[in-house]
């Protein structure tokens, strides 16, 4: 194996390791069990879950009886 082939092989191995690390970070970020680590749930609850104001703020939906 020549020096050039060796360097190409090392570069590919490093790219593979970097890609696997990036995948692991991505999967951890979007894993539903890690939501509490990514978002402060107390602040979220205070902001969005107010008594008498059920529903998302981005869609003003009114239920008329």
PDB file of N, CA and C in Angstrom:
ATOM      1  N   UNK A   1       0.852  -1.172   0.000  1.00  0.00           N
ATOM      2  CA  UNK A   1       0.000   0.000   0.000  1.00  0.00           C
ATOM      3  C   UNK A   1       0.902   1.241   0.000  1.00  0.00           C
ATOM      4  N   UNK A   2       0.604   2.122  -0.903  1.00  0.00           N
ATOM      5  CA  UNK A   2       1.412   3.333  -1.014  1.00  0.00           C
ATOM      6  C   UNK A   2       0.997   4.356   0.044  1.00  0.00           C
ATOM      7  N   UNK A   3       1.821   5.350   0.198  1.00  0.00           N
ATOM      8  CA  UNK A   3       1.550   6.416   1.169  1.00  0.00           C
ATOM      9  C   UNK A   3       0.252   7.146   0.816  1.00  0.00           C
ATOM     10  N   UNK A   4       0.020   7.356  -0.461  1.00  0.00           N
ATOM     11  CA  UNK A   4      -1.185   8.053  -0.918  1.00  0.00           C
ATOM     12  C   UNK A   4      -2.443   7.238  -0.596  1.00  0.00           C
ATOM     13  N   UNK A   5      -2.401   5.941  -0.845  1.00  0.00           N
ATOM     14  CA  UNK A   5      -3.534   5.072  -0.535  1.00  0.00           C
ATOM     15  C   UNK A   5      -3.794   5.025   0.966  1.00  0.00           C
ATOM     16  N   UNK A   6      -2.719   5.000   1.741  1.00  0.00           N
ATOM     17  CA  UNK A   6      -2.837   4.987   3.192  1.00  0.00           C
ATOM     18  C   UNK A   6      -3.525   6.259   3.693  1.00  0.00           C
ATOM     19  N   UNK A   7      -3.142   7.403   3.151  1.00  0.00           N
ATOM     20  CA  UNK A   7      -3.752   8.670   3.566  1.00  0.00           C
ATOM     21  C   UNK A   7      -5.225   8.742   3.178  1.00  0.00           C
ATOM     22  N   UNK A   8      -5.556   8.224   2.004  1.00  0.00           N
ATOM     23  CA  UNK A   8      -6.962   8.197   1.561  1.00  0.00           C
ATOM     24  C   UNK A   8      -7.777   7.306   2.498  1.00  0.00           C
ATOM     25  N   UNK A   9      -7.223   6.142   2.858  1.00  0.00           N
ATOM     26  CA  UNK A   9      -7.912   5.221   3.753  1.00  0.00           C
ATOM     27  C   UNK A   9      -8.136   5.860   5.122  1.00  0.00           C
ATOM     28  N   UNK A  10      -7.130   6.520   5.660  1.00  0.00           N
ATOM     29  CA  UNK A  10      -7.248   7.201   6.953  1.00  0.00           C
ATOM     30  C   UNK A  10      -8.299   8.312   6.897  1.00  0.00           C
ATOM     31  N   UNK A  11      -8.316   9.050   5.792  1.00  0.00           N
ATOM     32  CA  UNK A  11      -9.291  10.125   5.633  1.00  0.00           C
ATOM     33  C   UNK A  11     -10.707   9.560   5.616  1.00  0.00           C
ATOM     34  N   UNK A  12     -10.926   8.462   4.912  1.00  0.00           N
ATOM     35  CA  UNK A  12     -12.253   7.833   4.864  1.00  0.00           C
ATOM     36  C   UNK A  12     -12.671   7.318   6.237  1.00  0.00           C
ATOM     37  N   UNK A  13     -11.739   6.733   6.972  1.00  0.00           N
ATOM     38  CA  UNK A  13     -12.055   6.243   8.310  1.00  0.00           C
ATOM     39  C   UNK A  13     -12.439   7.399   9.237  1.00  0.00           C
ATOM     40  N   UNK A  14     -11.720   8.510   9.135  1.00  0.00           N
ATOM     41  CA  UNK A  14     -12.043   9.674   9.963  1.00  0.00           C
ATOM     42  C   UNK A  14     -13.413  10.242   9.591  1.00  0.00           C
ATOM     43  N   UNK A  15     -13.726  10.300   8.302  1.00  0.00           N
ATOM     44  CA  UNK A  15     -15.041  10.783   7.863  1.00  0.00           C
ATOM     45  C   UNK A  15     -16.143   9.880   8.385  1.00  0.00           C
ATOM     46  N   UNK A  16     -15.911   8.577   8.375  1.00  0.00           N
ATOM     47  CA  UNK A  16     -16.909   7.625   8.864  1.00  0.00           C
ATOM     48  C   UNK A  16     -17.146   7.820  10.364  1.00  0.00           C
ATOM     49  N   UNK A  17     -16.085   7.992  11.120  1.00  0.00           N
ATOM     50  CA  UNK A  17     -16.208   8.202  12.562  1.00  0.00           C
ATOM     51  C   UNK A  17     -16.933   9.510  12.849  1.00  0.00           C
ATOM     52  N   UNK A  18     -16.599  10.567  12.113  1.00  0.00           N
ATOM     53  CA  UNK A  18     -17.271  11.859  12.289  1.00  0.00           C
ATOM     54  C   UNK A  18     -18.753  11.768  11.952  1.00  0.00           C
ATOM     55  N   UNK A  19     -19.089  11.024  10.892  1.00  0.00           N
ATOM     56  CA  UNK A  19     -20.488  10.865  10.489  1.00  0.00           C
ATOM     57  C   UNK A  19     -21.272  10.085  11.550  1.00  0.00           C
ATOM     58  N   UNK A  20     -20.674   9.062  12.109  1.00  0.00           N
ATOM     59  CA  UNK A  20     -21.340   8.289  13.155  1.00  0.00           C
ATOM     60  C   UNK A  20     -21.568   9.141  14.401  1.00  0.00           C
ATOM     61  N   UNK A  21     -20.612   9.980  14.742  1.00  0.00           N
ATOM     62  CA  UNK A  21     -20.773  10.873  15.891  1.00  0.00           C
ATOM     63  C   UNK A  21     -21.896  11.878  15.639  1.00  0.00           C
ATOM     64  N   UNK A  22     -21.969  12.410  14.431  1.00  0.00           N
ATOM     65  CA  UNK A  22     -23.034  13.358  14.089  1.00  0.00           C
ATOM     66  C   UNK A  22     -24.404  12.675  14.128  1.00  0.00           C
ATOM     67  N   UNK A  23     -24.475  11.441  13.660  1.00  0.00           N
ATOM     68  CA  UNK A  23     -25.737  10.698  13.714  1.00  0.00           C
ATOM     69  C   UNK A  23     -26.176  10.476  15.153  1.00  0.00           C
ATOM     70  N   UNK A  24     -25.226  10.159  16.017  1.00  0.00           N
ATOM     71  CA  UNK A  24     -25.546   9.913  17.418  1.00  0.00           C
ATOM     72  C   UNK A  24     -26.106  11.175  18.071  1.00  0.00           C
ATOM     73  N   UNK A  25     -25.501  12.317  17.794  1.00  0.00           N
ATOM     74  CA  UNK A  25     -25.984  13.586  18.338  1.00  0.00           C
ATOM     75  C   UNK A  25     -27.380  13.883  17.806  1.00  0.00           C
ATOM     76  N   UNK A  26     -27.601  13.663  16.513  1.00  0.00           N
ATOM     77  CA  UNK A  26     -28.902  13.916  15.895  1.00  0.00           C
ATOM     78  C   UNK A  26     -29.975  13.017  16.492  1.00  0.00           C
ATOM     79  N   UNK A  27     -29.668  11.733  16.631  1.00  0.00           N
ATOM     80  CA  UNK A  27     -30.645  10.802  17.198  1.00  0.00           C
ATOM     81  C   UNK A  27     -30.965  11.153  18.638  1.00  0.00           C
ATOM     82  N   UNK A  28     -29.986  11.569  19.402  1.00  0.00           N
ATOM     83  CA  UNK A  28     -30.218  11.944  20.787  1.00  0.00           C
ATOM     84  C   UNK A  28     -31.087  13.188  20.877  1.00  0.00           C
ATOM     85  N   UNK A  29     -30.863  14.128  19.963  1.00  0.00           N
ATOM     86  CA  UNK A  29     -31.631  15.370  19.981  1.00  0.00           C
ATOM     87  C   UNK A  29     -33.110  15.127  19.680  1.00  0.00           C
ATOM     88  N   UNK A  30     -33.401  14.195  18.790  1.00  0.00           N
ATOM     89  CA  UNK A  30     -34.778  13.965  18.385  1.00  0.00           C
ATOM     90  C   UNK A  30     -35.384  12.710  18.993  1.00  0.00           C
ATOM     91  N   UNK A  31     -34.777  12.187  20.037  1.00  0.00           N
ATOM     92  CA  UNK A  31     -35.320  11.054  20.764  1.00  0.00           C
ATOM     93  C   UNK A  31     -36.365  11.583  21.748  1.00  0.00           C
ATOM     94  N   UNK A  32     -37.596  11.088  21.694  1.00  0.00           N
ATOM     95  CA  UNK A  32     -38.641  11.604  22.587  1.00  0.00           C
ATOM     96  C   UNK A  32     -38.306  11.475  24.074  1.00  0.00           C
ATOM     97  N   UNK A  33     -37.472  10.534  24.435  1.00  0.00           N
ATOM     98  CA  UNK A  33     -37.137  10.364  25.851  1.00  0.00           C
ATOM     99  C   UNK A  33     -36.167  11.433  26.354  1.00  0.00           C
ATOM    100  N   UNK A  34     -35.573  12.226  25.461  1.00  0.00           N
ATOM    101  CA  UNK A  34     -34.626  13.261  25.871  1.00  0.00           C
ATOM    102  C   UNK A  34     -35.215  14.665  25.783  1.00  0.00           C
ATOM    103  N   UNK A  35     -36.526  14.768  25.678  1.00  0.00           N
ATOM    104  CA  UNK A  35     -37.163  16.084  25.550  1.00  0.00           C
ATOM    105  C   UNK A  35     -36.874  16.948  26.771  1.00  0.00           C
ATOM    106  N   UNK A  36     -36.921  16.374  27.950  1.00  0.00           N
ATOM    107  CA  UNK A  36     -36.693  17.148  29.172  1.00  0.00           C
ATOM    108  C   UNK A  36     -35.288  17.722  29.216  1.00  0.00           C
ATOM    109  N   UNK A  37     -34.326  17.051  28.593  1.00  0.00           N
ATOM    110  CA  UNK A  37     -32.958  17.560  28.562  1.00  0.00           C
ATOM    111  C   UNK A  37     -32.817  18.708  27.567  1.00  0.00           C
ATOM    112  N   UNK A  38     -33.563  18.661  26.472  1.00  0.00           N
ATOM    113  CA  UNK A  38     -33.441  19.658  25.409  1.00  0.00           C
ATOM    114  C   UNK A  38     -34.270  20.912  25.681  1.00  0.00           C
ATOM    115  N   UNK A  39     -35.426  20.744  26.340  1.00  0.00           N
ATOM    116  CA  UNK A  39     -36.362  21.851  26.548  1.00  0.00           C
ATOM    117  C   UNK A  39     -36.680  21.960  28.034  1.00  0.00           C
ATOM    118  N   UNK A  40     -36.714  23.166  28.542  1.00  0.00           N
ATOM    119  CA  UNK A  40     -37.108  23.377  29.929  1.00  0.00           C
ATOM    120  C   UNK A  40     -38.622  23.222  30.011  1.00  0.00           C
ATOM    121  N   UNK A  41     -39.073  22.071  30.519  1.00  0.00           N
ATOM    122  CA  UNK A  41     -40.504  21.762  30.510  1.00  0.00           C
ATOM    123  C   UNK A  41     -41.306  22.678  31.433  1.00  0.00           C
ATOM    124  N   UNK A  42     -40.706  23.178  32.500  1.00  0.00           N
ATOM    125  CA  UNK A  42     -41.438  24.085  33.395  1.00  0.00           C
ATOM    126  C   UNK A  42     -41.784  25.388  32.682  1.00  0.00           C
ATOM    127  N   UNK A  43     -40.825  25.948  31.972  1.00  0.00           N
ATOM    128  CA  UNK A  43     -41.069  27.183  31.217  1.00  0.00           C
ATOM    129  C   UNK A  43     -42.072  26.924  30.103  1.00  0.00           C
ATOM    130  N   UNK A  44     -41.951  25.791  29.449  1.00  0.00           N
ATOM    131  CA  UNK A  44     -42.883  25.438  28.382  1.00  0.00           C
ATOM    132  C   UNK A  44     -44.308  25.351  28.901  1.00  0.00           C
ATOM    133  N   UNK A  45     -44.464  24.740  30.063  1.00  0.00           N
ATOM    134  CA  UNK A  45     -45.796  24.602  30.651  1.00  0.00           C
ATOM    135  C   UNK A  45     -46.369  25.965  31.025  1.00  0.00           C
ATOM    136  N   UNK A  46     -45.565  26.835  31.583  1.00  0.00           N
ATOM    137  CA  UNK A  46     -46.037  28.165  31.965  1.00  0.00           C
ATOM    138  C   UNK A  46     -46.408  29.003  30.750  1.00  0.00           C
ATOM    139  N   UNK A  47     -45.696  28.816  29.647  1.00  0.00           N
ATOM    140  CA  UNK A  47     -45.928  29.605  28.445  1.00  0.00           C
ATOM    141  C   UNK A  47     -47.161  29.131  27.684  1.00  0.00           C
ATOM    142  N   UNK A  48     -47.324  27.810  27.530  1.00  0.00           N
ATOM    143  CA  UNK A  48     -48.341  27.295  26.631  1.00  0.00           C
ATOM    144  C   UNK A  48     -49.568  26.711  27.311  1.00  0.00           C
ATOM    145  N   UNK A  49     -49.468  26.256  28.539  1.00  0.00           N
ATOM    146  CA  UNK A  49     -50.590  25.582  29.186  1.00  0.00           C
ATOM    147  C   UNK A  49     -51.213  26.478  30.247  1.00  0.00           C
ATOM    148  N   UNK A  50     -51.930  27.480  29.815  1.00  0.00           N
ATOM    149  CA  UNK A  50     -52.588  28.388  30.740  1.00  0.00           C
ATOM    150  C   UNK A  50     -54.049  27.974  30.882  1.00  0.00           C
ATOM    151  N   UNK A  51     -54.582  28.100  32.108  1.00  0.00           N
ATOM    152  CA  UNK A  51     -55.973  27.731  32.349  1.00  0.00           C
ATOM    153  C   UNK A  51     -56.907  28.608  31.527  1.00  0.00           C
ATOM    154  N   UNK A  52     -57.855  27.987  30.871  1.00  0.00           N
ATOM    155  CA  UNK A  52     -58.831  28.705  30.065  1.00  0.00           C
ATOM    156  C   UNK A  52     -58.362  29.016  28.660  1.00  0.00           C
ATOM    157  N   UNK A  53     -57.138  28.760  28.346  1.00  0.00           N
ATOM    158  CA  UNK A  53     -56.599  29.025  27.012  1.00  0.00           C
ATOM    159  C   UNK A  53     -56.110  27.726  26.378  1.00  0.00           C
ATOM    160  N   UNK A  54     -57.001  26.784  26.219  1.00  0.00           N
ATOM    161  CA  UNK A  54     -56.594  25.513  25.641  1.00  0.00           C
ATOM    162  C   UNK A  54     -56.323  25.695  24.161  1.00  0.00           C
ATOM    163  N   UNK A  55     -55.320  25.073  23.655  1.00  0.00           N
ATOM    164  CA  UNK A  55     -55.033  25.078  22.228  1.00  0.00           C
ATOM    165  C   UNK A  55     -53.738  25.792  21.912  1.00  0.00           C
ATOM    166  N   UNK A  56     -53.250  25.555  20.735  1.00  0.00           N
ATOM    167  CA  UNK A  56     -51.996  26.192  20.331  1.00  0.00           C
ATOM    168  C   UNK A  56     -52.198  27.658  19.977  1.00  0.00           C
ATOM    169  N   UNK A  57     -51.185  28.463  20.225  1.00  0.00           N
ATOM    170  CA  UNK A  57     -51.268  29.891  19.903  1.00  0.00           C
ATOM    171  C   UNK A  57     -51.187  30.156  18.408  1.00  0.00           C
ATOM    172  N   UNK A  58     -50.619  29.234  17.639  1.00  0.00           N
ATOM    173  CA  UNK A  58     -50.481  29.453  16.210  1.00  0.00           C
ATOM    174  C   UNK A  58     -51.782  29.209  15.455  1.00  0.00           C
ATOM    175  N   UNK A  59     -52.781  28.607  16.102  1.00  0.00           N
ATOM    176  CA  UNK A  59     -54.077  28.380  15.458  1.00  0.00           C
ATOM    177  C   UNK A  59     -55.163  28.795  16.434  1.00  0.00           C
ATOM    178  N   UNK A  60     -55.723  29.942  16.205  1.00  0.00           N
ATOM    179  CA  UNK A  60     -56.787  30.432  17.087  1.00  0.00           C
ATOM    180  C   UNK A  60     -58.072  29.691  16.770  1.00  0.00           C
ATOM    181  N   UNK A  61     -58.358  28.683  17.585  1.00  0.00           N
ATOM    182  CA  UNK A  61     -59.541  27.842  17.375  1.00  0.00           C
ATOM    183  C   UNK A  61     -60.502  28.128  18.520  1.00  0.00           C
ATOM    184  N   UNK A  62     -61.745  28.392  18.165  1.00  0.00           N
ATOM    185  CA  UNK A  62     -62.768  28.639  19.196  1.00  0.00           C
ATOM    186  C   UNK A  62     -63.841  27.563  19.070  1.00  0.00           C
ATOM    187  N   UNK A  63     -64.228  27.031  20.212  1.00  0.00           N
ATOM    188  CA  UNK A  63     -65.289  26.044  20.259  1.00  0.00           C
ATOM    189  C   UNK A  63     -66.564  26.732  20.733  1.00  0.00           C
ATOM    190  N   UNK A  64     -67.526  26.817  19.876  1.00  0.00           N
ATOM    191  CA  UNK A  64     -68.780  27.488  20.191  1.00  0.00           C
ATOM    192  C   UNK A  64     -69.833  26.429  20.414  1.00  0.00           C
ATOM    193  N   UNK A  65     -70.520  26.517  21.552  1.00  0.00           N
ATOM    194  CA  UNK A  65     -71.552  25.516  21.833  1.00  0.00           C
ATOM    195  C   UNK A  65     -72.932  26.088  21.663  1.00  0.00           C
TER     196      UNK A  65
END
